[in-house]
Amino acid sequence: MKWGAVIGSVALAALASLPARAADMTPIAQRAIPAGYIPAQFLWTGFYLGAGLGGGFGSAPFLDPFGTTASPSLKGFLIGGVMGVNYQINSFVLGVEGDFYGSWVKGTALDPLGDALQTQVLWTGTITGRLGWAFDRLLVYGKGGAAFDYDRDTVSQPSGVVVVGSTNRAGWTVGGGLEYAVTEHWTTRIEYDYLKFSAKGFVFTGQGAGILPLNAGGTVGINLSEIKFIIANKF
């Protein structure tokens, strides 16, 4: 009987202490965060590499070797990569960036003589400075600098004569976009860039059926807009 009384007393004491223990079992995550805690803001400083895809559209004012003109409307898709570095000062973000995109942007137009004038942009690249304003994980930025491309231009006459010219160009670009840090290392953005290449004279070469090779001059300029979706890894 004495042992039964002792065991009963211990059990009652244990049951009585349960509410106090339960009240003390605060989740670790809650106990670790002091009152008034504010998470650290995202830091944009660092080097990054990324990949992008998108589309291009624009125009190519064209003077062909036969003295007639047209302006093909350009459109197509882009795929490429980007690399750069950012440095953040308070909310300002300064950066330098380079990109390179393979291009399937092209267009064709008929001149008054019925010649088909075609321009195809094979690749574009830019080297730019960036200036942005950070709202924690959201970056609003503008950019500008040098632009480069390689394009092929073709004139096809109804008679079957086809002449082709190709060239590298240097021009300028301006643009801007919105970038968001999804994690501490991965960002995604949407960007618009305008690339301007002035009219450049060069020699078209080609051969039609049964005629000698033709060498004649002409000029082509390119005005190109690019919209890109980019995912980048910040180191």
C-alpha atoms as a PDB file:
ATOM      1  CA  MET A   1       0.000   0.000   0.000  1.00  0.00           C
ATOM      2  CA  LYS A   2       2.837   2.438   0.815  1.00  0.00           C
ATOM      3  CA  TRP A   3       4.478   1.775  -2.567  1.00  0.00           C
ATOM      4  CA  GLY A   4       1.166   2.376  -4.335  1.00  0.00           C
ATOM      5  CA  ALA A   5       0.761   5.711  -2.562  1.00  0.00           C
ATOM      6  CA  VAL A   6       4.302   6.789  -3.537  1.00  0.00           C
ATOM      7  CA  ILE A   7       3.825   5.863  -7.216  1.00  0.00           C
ATOM      8  CA  GLY A   8       0.475   7.652  -7.284  1.00  0.00           C
ATOM      9  CA  SER A   9       2.013  10.818  -5.810  1.00  0.00           C
ATOM     10  CA  VAL A  10       4.825  10.831  -8.405  1.00  0.00           C
ATOM     11  CA  ALA A  11       2.351  10.371 -11.276  1.00  0.00           C
ATOM     12  CA  LEU A  12       0.181  13.223 -10.032  1.00  0.00           C
ATOM     13  CA  ALA A  13       3.218  15.513  -9.745  1.00  0.00           C
ATOM     14  CA  ALA A  14       4.320  14.665 -13.299  1.00  0.00           C
ATOM     15  CA  LEU A  15       0.858  15.397 -14.673  1.00  0.00           C
ATOM     16  CA  ALA A  16       0.731  18.690 -12.824  1.00  0.00           C
ATOM     17  CA  SER A  17       4.023  19.826 -14.382  1.00  0.00           C
ATOM     18  CA  LEU A  18       2.954  19.155 -18.006  1.00  0.00           C
ATOM     19  CA  PRO A  19       1.215  22.539 -18.632  1.00  0.00           C
ATOM     20  CA  ALA A  20       4.300  24.420 -17.419  1.00  0.00           C
ATOM     21  CA  ARG A  21       6.586  22.391 -19.692  1.00  0.00           C
ATOM     22  CA  ALA A  22       4.257  22.846 -22.664  1.00  0.00           C
ATOM     23  CA  ALA A  23       4.225  26.594 -22.128  1.00  0.00           C
ATOM     24  CA  ASP A  24       8.025  26.585 -22.165  1.00  0.00           C
ATOM     25  CA  MET A  25       8.247  24.638 -25.481  1.00  0.00           C
ATOM     26  CA  THR A  26       8.483  27.728 -27.765  1.00  0.00           C
ATOM     27  CA  PRO A  27       9.624  26.871 -31.324  1.00  0.00           C
ATOM     28  CA  ILE A  28      13.371  27.386 -31.771  1.00  0.00           C
ATOM     29  CA  ALA A  29      12.842  29.604 -34.823  1.00  0.00           C
ATOM     30  CA  GLN A  30      10.696  31.996 -32.761  1.00  0.00           C
ATOM     31  CA  ARG A  31      13.068  32.089 -29.812  1.00  0.00           C
ATOM     32  CA  ALA A  32      16.073  32.751 -32.089  1.00  0.00           C
ATOM     33  CA  ILE A  33      14.603  35.956 -33.600  1.00  0.00           C
ATOM     34  CA  PRO A  34      14.730  38.939 -31.242  1.00  0.00           C
ATOM     35  CA  ALA A  35      11.979  41.518 -31.203  1.00  0.00           C
ATOM     36  CA  GLY A  36      12.387  44.169 -33.916  1.00  0.00           C
ATOM     37  CA  TYR A  37      14.587  41.949 -36.137  1.00  0.00           C
ATOM     38  CA  ILE A  38      14.893  43.210 -39.765  1.00  0.00           C
ATOM     39  CA  PRO A  39      16.361  40.820 -42.399  1.00  0.00           C
ATOM     40  CA  ALA A  40      19.492  42.078 -44.179  1.00  0.00           C
ATOM     41  CA  GLN A  41      18.926  43.602 -47.618  1.00  0.00           C
ATOM     42  CA  PHE A  42      20.120  41.796 -50.733  1.00  0.00           C
ATOM     43  CA  LEU A  43      23.616  42.863 -51.830  1.00  0.00           C
ATOM     44  CA  TRP A  44      24.072  43.272 -55.595  1.00  0.00           C
ATOM     45  CA  THR A  45      27.858  43.510 -55.454  1.00  0.00           C
ATOM     46  CA  GLY A  46      29.560  40.658 -57.284  1.00  0.00           C
ATOM     47  CA  PHE A  47      30.453  38.970 -60.550  1.00  0.00           C
ATOM     48  CA  TYR A  48      27.765  37.154 -62.563  1.00  0.00           C
ATOM     49  CA  LEU A  49      27.296  34.888 -65.573  1.00  0.00           C
ATOM     50  CA  GLY A  50      24.003  34.299 -67.325  1.00  0.00           C
ATOM     51  CA  ALA A  51      22.086  33.044 -70.344  1.00  0.00           C
ATOM     52  CA  GLY A  52      19.308  34.728 -72.239  1.00  0.00           C
ATOM     53  CA  LEU A  53      16.839  34.408 -75.062  1.00  0.00           C
ATOM     54  CA  GLY A  54      14.474  36.780 -76.732  1.00  0.00           C
ATOM     55  CA  GLY A  55      13.554  38.453 -79.973  1.00  0.00           C
ATOM     56  CA  GLY A  56      14.668  41.283 -82.210  1.00  0.00           C
ATOM     57  CA  PHE A  57      12.833  43.620 -84.575  1.00  0.00           C
ATOM     58  CA  GLY A  58      13.707  46.700 -86.575  1.00  0.00           C
ATOM     59  CA  SER A  59      14.572  47.938 -90.057  1.00  0.00           C
ATOM     60  CA  ALA A  60      17.463  47.957 -92.542  1.00  0.00           C
ATOM     61  CA  PRO A  61      17.530  50.967 -94.916  1.00  0.00           C
ATOM     62  CA  PHE A  62      19.023  49.396 -98.057  1.00  0.00           C
ATOM     63  CA  LEU A  63      20.604  50.960-101.193  1.00  0.00           C
ATOM     64  CA  ASP A  64      21.368  48.110-103.567  1.00  0.00           C
ATOM     65  CA  PRO A  65      24.167  48.011-106.185  1.00  0.00           C
ATOM     66  CA  PHE A  66      21.665  48.884-108.950  1.00  0.00           C
ATOM     67  CA  GLY A  67      20.746  52.229-107.365  1.00  0.00           C
ATOM     68  CA  THR A  68      17.311  51.343-105.952  1.00  0.00           C
ATOM     69  CA  THR A  69      16.231  51.408-102.316  1.00  0.00           C
ATOM     70  CA  ALA A  70      13.970  49.590 -99.859  1.00  0.00           C
ATOM     71  CA  SER A  71      13.847  49.058 -96.090  1.00  0.00           C
ATOM     72  CA  PRO A  72      13.294  45.446 -95.030  1.00  0.00           C
ATOM     73  CA  SER A  73      11.435  44.989 -91.734  1.00  0.00           C
ATOM     74  CA  LEU A  74      13.536  42.762 -89.476  1.00  0.00           C
ATOM     75  CA  LYS A  75      12.331  40.224 -86.936  1.00  0.00           C
ATOM     76  CA  GLY A  76      13.498  36.939 -85.417  1.00  0.00           C
ATOM     77  CA  PHE A  77      14.765  35.323 -82.237  1.00  0.00           C
ATOM     78  CA  LEU A  78      17.998  35.545 -80.216  1.00  0.00           C
ATOM     79  CA  ILE A  79      19.880  33.248 -77.869  1.00  0.00           C
ATOM     80  CA  GLY A  80      23.142  33.973 -76.083  1.00  0.00           C
ATOM     81  CA  GLY A  81      24.986  34.777 -72.883  1.00  0.00           C
ATOM     82  CA  VAL A  82      25.951  37.649 -70.611  1.00  0.00           C
ATOM     83  CA  MET A  83      28.675  38.372 -68.061  1.00  0.00           C
ATOM     84  CA  GLY A  84      29.386  41.342 -65.849  1.00  0.00           C
ATOM     85  CA  VAL A  85      30.176  42.770 -62.443  1.00  0.00           C
ATOM     86  CA  ASN A  86      28.175  45.014 -60.081  1.00  0.00           C
ATOM     87  CA  TYR A  87      29.196  47.229 -57.180  1.00  0.00           C
ATOM     88  CA  GLN A  88      26.563  48.568 -54.783  1.00  0.00           C
ATOM     89  CA  ILE A  89      26.874  51.882 -52.896  1.00  0.00           C
ATOM     90  CA  ASN A  90      23.872  52.339 -50.604  1.00  0.00           C
ATOM     91  CA  SER A  91      20.975  51.954 -53.072  1.00  0.00           C
ATOM     92  CA  PHE A  92      23.036  52.766 -56.165  1.00  0.00           C
ATOM     93  CA  VAL A  93      24.344  49.857 -58.259  1.00  0.00           C
ATOM     94  CA  LEU A  94      27.160  50.478 -60.750  1.00  0.00           C
ATOM     95  CA  GLY A  95      28.208  47.822 -63.243  1.00  0.00           C
ATOM     96  CA  VAL A  96      29.972  46.836 -66.443  1.00  0.00           C
ATOM     97  CA  GLU A  97      28.521  44.152 -68.712  1.00  0.00           C
ATOM     98  CA  GLY A  98      29.201  42.329 -71.959  1.00  0.00           C
ATOM     99  CA  ASP A  99      26.871  40.104 -73.957  1.00  0.00           C
ATOM    100  CA  PHE A 100      26.876  38.054 -77.156  1.00  0.00           C
ATOM    101  CA  TYR A 101      23.788  36.718 -78.963  1.00  0.00           C
ATOM    102  CA  GLY A 102      23.388  34.466 -81.962  1.00  0.00           C
ATOM    103  CA  SER A 103      20.692  36.010 -84.120  1.00  0.00           C
ATOM    104  CA  TRP A 104      18.040  34.719 -86.510  1.00  0.00           C
ATOM    105  CA  VAL A 105      16.723  38.234 -87.180  1.00  0.00           C
ATOM    106  CA  LYS A 106      16.082  38.934 -90.860  1.00  0.00           C
ATOM    107  CA  GLY A 107      13.726  40.593 -93.313  1.00  0.00           C
ATOM    108  CA  THR A 108      13.061  41.067 -97.042  1.00  0.00           C
ATOM    109  CA  ALA A 109      11.528  43.913 -99.056  1.00  0.00           C
ATOM    110  CA  LEU A 110      10.937  44.561-102.759  1.00  0.00           C
ATOM    111  CA  ASP A 111      12.384  47.699-104.334  1.00  0.00           C
ATOM    112  CA  PRO A 112      10.604  49.615-107.172  1.00  0.00           C
ATOM    113  CA  LEU A 113      12.297  47.415-109.812  1.00  0.00           C
ATOM    114  CA  GLY A 114      11.082  44.185-108.233  1.00  0.00           C
ATOM    115  CA  ASP A 115      14.450  43.248-106.705  1.00  0.00           C
ATOM    116  CA  ALA A 116      14.231  41.382-103.376  1.00  0.00           C
ATOM    117  CA  LEU A 117      16.498  43.038-100.816  1.00  0.00           C
ATOM    118  CA  GLN A 118      17.216  40.887 -97.751  1.00  0.00           C
ATOM    119  CA  THR A 119      19.171  41.620 -94.582  1.00  0.00           C
ATOM    120  CA  GLN A 120      20.019  38.923 -92.026  1.00  0.00           C
ATOM    121  CA  VAL A 121      21.729  39.695 -88.698  1.00  0.00           C
ATOM    122  CA  LEU A 122      23.881  36.703 -87.726  1.00  0.00           C
ATOM    123  CA  TRP A 123      25.044  37.912 -84.301  1.00  0.00           C
ATOM    124  CA  THR A 124      25.145  40.965 -82.036  1.00  0.00           C
ATOM    125  CA  GLY A 125      27.314  41.880 -79.076  1.00  0.00           C
ATOM    126  CA  THR A 126      27.523  44.817 -76.667  1.00  0.00           C
ATOM    127  CA  ILE A 127      29.868  46.240 -74.040  1.00  0.00           C
ATOM    128  CA  THR A 128      27.972  48.579 -71.718  1.00  0.00           C
ATOM    129  CA  GLY A 129      27.975  50.377 -68.408  1.00  0.00           C
ATOM    130  CA  ARG A 130      24.985  49.921 -66.089  1.00  0.00           C
ATOM    131  CA  LEU A 131      23.520  52.286 -63.506  1.00  0.00           C
ATOM    132  CA  GLY A 132      20.665  51.140 -61.295  1.00  0.00           C
ATOM    133  CA  TRP A 133      18.660  51.785 -58.156  1.00  0.00           C
ATOM    134  CA  ALA A 134      18.057  48.841 -55.832  1.00  0.00           C
ATOM    135  CA  PHE A 135      14.804  48.310 -53.935  1.00  0.00           C
ATOM    136  CA  ASP A 136      16.198  45.418 -51.891  1.00  0.00           C
ATOM    137  CA  ARG A 137      15.836  42.449 -54.291  1.00  0.00           C
ATOM    138  CA  LEU A 138      14.459  44.512 -57.195  1.00  0.00           C
ATOM    139  CA  LEU A 139      16.890  46.441 -59.404  1.00  0.00           C
ATOM    140  CA  VAL A 140      15.742  49.091 -61.871  1.00  0.00           C
ATOM    141  CA  TYR A 141      18.565  49.993 -64.257  1.00  0.00           C
ATOM    142  CA  GLY A 142      19.625  51.708 -67.447  1.00  0.00           C
ATOM    143  CA  LYS A 143      22.593  50.893 -69.659  1.00  0.00           C
ATOM    144  CA  GLY A 144      24.530  52.224 -72.626  1.00  0.00           C
ATOM    145  CA  GLY A 145      27.709  51.672 -74.603  1.00  0.00           C
ATOM    146  CA  ALA A 146      29.150  50.094 -77.757  1.00  0.00           C
ATOM    147  CA  ALA A 147      27.376  47.609 -80.049  1.00  0.00           C
ATOM    148  CA  PHE A 148      28.718  45.217 -82.678  1.00  0.00           C
ATOM    149  CA  ASP A 149      27.176  42.905 -85.252  1.00  0.00           C
ATOM    150  CA  TYR A 150      27.750  40.720 -88.297  1.00  0.00           C
ATOM    151  CA  ASP A 151      25.138  40.797 -91.038  1.00  0.00           C
ATOM    152  CA  ARG A 152      24.616  39.395 -94.525  1.00  0.00           C
ATOM    153  CA  ASP A 153      22.766  41.336 -97.221  1.00  0.00           C
ATOM    154  CA  THR A 154      21.412  39.877-100.456  1.00  0.00           C
ATOM    155  CA  VAL A 155      19.917  41.321-103.652  1.00  0.00           C
ATOM    156  CA  SER A 156      17.914  38.927-105.853  1.00  0.00           C
ATOM    157  CA  GLN A 157      16.807  40.228-109.254  1.00  0.00           C
ATOM    158  CA  PRO A 158      13.837  38.763-111.166  1.00  0.00           C
ATOM    159  CA  SER A 159      16.321  37.816-113.903  1.00  0.00           C
ATOM    160  CA  GLY A 160      18.058  35.409-111.531  1.00  0.00           C
ATOM    161  CA  VAL A 161      21.093  37.573-110.702  1.00  0.00           C
ATOM    162  CA  VAL A 162      21.927  37.272-106.997  1.00  0.00           C
ATOM    163  CA  VAL A 163      24.514  39.477-105.268  1.00  0.00           C
ATOM    164  CA  VAL A 164      25.588  39.140-101.660  1.00  0.00           C
ATOM    165  CA  GLY A 165      27.478  41.360 -99.227  1.00  0.00           C
ATOM    166  CA  SER A 166      28.431  40.806 -95.584  1.00  0.00           C
ATOM    167  CA  THR A 167      30.154  42.956 -92.992  1.00  0.00           C
ATOM    168  CA  ASN A 168      30.973  43.548 -89.331  1.00  0.00           C
ATOM    169  CA  ARG A 169      29.689  46.773 -87.854  1.00  0.00           C
ATOM    170  CA  ALA A 170      30.334  48.936 -84.811  1.00  0.00           C
ATOM    171  CA  GLY A 171      27.631  51.197 -83.415  1.00  0.00           C
ATOM    172  CA  TRP A 172      26.017  52.199 -80.134  1.00  0.00           C
ATOM    173  CA  THR A 173      23.308  50.911 -77.821  1.00  0.00           C
ATOM    174  CA  VAL A 174      21.062  52.141 -75.005  1.00  0.00           C
ATOM    175  CA  GLY A 175      18.583  50.179 -72.941  1.00  0.00           C
ATOM    176  CA  GLY A 176      17.272  49.260 -69.532  1.00  0.00           C
ATOM    177  CA  GLY A 177      15.325  46.717 -67.555  1.00  0.00           C
ATOM    178  CA  LEU A 178      14.087  45.182 -64.325  1.00  0.00           C
ATOM    179  CA  GLU A 179      16.078  42.527 -62.457  1.00  0.00           C
ATOM    180  CA  TYR A 180      14.935  40.497 -59.452  1.00  0.00           C
ATOM    181  CA  ALA A 181      16.998  38.366 -57.054  1.00  0.00           C
ATOM    182  CA  VAL A 182      15.110  35.101 -56.674  1.00  0.00           C
ATOM    183  CA  THR A 183      17.714  33.672 -54.238  1.00  0.00           C
ATOM    184  CA  GLU A 184      21.021  34.884 -52.835  1.00  0.00           C
ATOM    185  CA  HIS A 185      22.783  33.750 -56.028  1.00  0.00           C
ATOM    186  CA  TRP A 186      20.179  33.602 -58.834  1.00  0.00           C
ATOM    187  CA  THR A 187      18.592  36.592 -60.556  1.00  0.00           C
ATOM    188  CA  THR A 188      16.171  36.933 -63.441  1.00  0.00           C
ATOM    189  CA  ARG A 189      15.450  39.971 -65.572  1.00  0.00           C
ATOM    190  CA  ILE A 190      13.640  41.391 -68.573  1.00  0.00           C
ATOM    191  CA  GLU A 191      15.590  43.873 -70.678  1.00  0.00           C
ATOM    192  CA  TYR A 192      15.098  46.124 -73.707  1.00  0.00           C
ATOM    193  CA  ASP A 193      18.062  47.268 -75.846  1.00  0.00           C
ATOM    194  CA  TYR A 194      18.180  49.517 -78.901  1.00  0.00           C
ATOM    195  CA  LEU A 195      21.149  49.013 -81.257  1.00  0.00           C
ATOM    196  CA  LYS A 196      22.014  51.540 -83.963  1.00  0.00           C
ATOM    197  CA  PHE A 197      24.356  50.864 -86.887  1.00  0.00           C
ATOM    198  CA  SER A 198      24.777  53.650 -89.427  1.00  0.00           C
ATOM    199  CA  ALA A 199      24.623  52.963 -93.166  1.00  0.00           C
ATOM    200  CA  LYS A 200      27.840  51.339 -94.315  1.00  0.00           C
ATOM    201  CA  GLY A 201      29.073  51.025 -97.860  1.00  0.00           C
ATOM    202  CA  PHE A 202      30.619  47.771 -99.022  1.00  0.00           C
ATOM    203  CA  VAL A 203      30.962  45.573-102.102  1.00  0.00           C
ATOM    204  CA  PHE A 204      28.323  43.041-103.093  1.00  0.00           C
ATOM    205  CA  THR A 205      29.597  40.035-105.009  1.00  0.00           C
ATOM    206  CA  GLY A 206      27.653  37.345-106.807  1.00  0.00           C
ATOM    207  CA  GLN A 207      26.887  35.527-109.994  1.00  0.00           C
ATOM    208  CA  GLY A 208      23.739  34.974-112.010  1.00  0.00           C
ATOM    209  CA  ALA A 209      23.085  32.113-114.393  1.00  0.00           C
ATOM    210  CA  GLY A 210      25.324  32.440-117.441  1.00  0.00           C
ATOM    211  CA  ILE A 211      26.844  35.829-116.512  1.00  0.00           C
ATOM    212  CA  LEU A 212      30.218  36.901-115.176  1.00  0.00           C
ATOM    213  CA  PRO A 213      30.665  37.641-111.467  1.00  0.00           C
ATOM    214  CA  LEU A 214      29.286  41.024-110.490  1.00  0.00           C
ATOM    215  CA  ASN A 215      31.047  43.445-108.147  1.00  0.00           C
ATOM    216  CA  ALA A 216      29.142  46.590-107.239  1.00  0.00           C
ATOM    217  CA  GLY A 217      28.752  48.892-104.274  1.00  0.00           C
ATOM    218  CA  GLY A 218      25.792  49.530-102.008  1.00  0.00           C
ATOM    219  CA  THR A 219      24.942  50.593 -98.458  1.00  0.00           C
ATOM    220  CA  VAL A 220      22.891  49.120 -95.639  1.00  0.00           C
ATOM    221  CA  GLY A 221      22.079  50.548 -92.205  1.00  0.00           C
ATOM    222  CA  ILE A 222      20.498  48.672 -89.284  1.00  0.00           C
ATOM    223  CA  ASN A 223      18.148  49.866 -86.524  1.00  0.00           C
ATOM    224  CA  LEU A 224      17.510  46.979 -84.146  1.00  0.00           C
ATOM    225  CA  SER A 225      15.475  46.570 -80.957  1.00  0.00           C
ATOM    226  CA  GLU A 226      16.039  43.522 -78.746  1.00  0.00           C
ATOM    227  CA  ILE A 227      13.886  42.209 -75.880  1.00  0.00           C
ATOM    228  CA  LYS A 228      15.631  39.598 -73.710  1.00  0.00           C
ATOM    229  CA  PHE A 229      14.784  37.352 -70.765  1.00  0.00           C
ATOM    230  CA  ILE A 230      17.948  36.586 -68.765  1.00  0.00           C
ATOM    231  CA  ILE A 231      18.779  34.250 -65.874  1.00  0.00           C
ATOM    232  CA  ALA A 232      22.126  34.867 -64.143  1.00  0.00           C
ATOM    233  CA  ASN A 233      24.185  33.335 -61.335  1.00  0.00           C
ATOM    234  CA  LYS A 234      25.864  35.844 -58.983  1.00  0.00           C
ATOM    235  CA  PHE A 235      29.125  34.716 -57.393  1.00  0.00           C
END
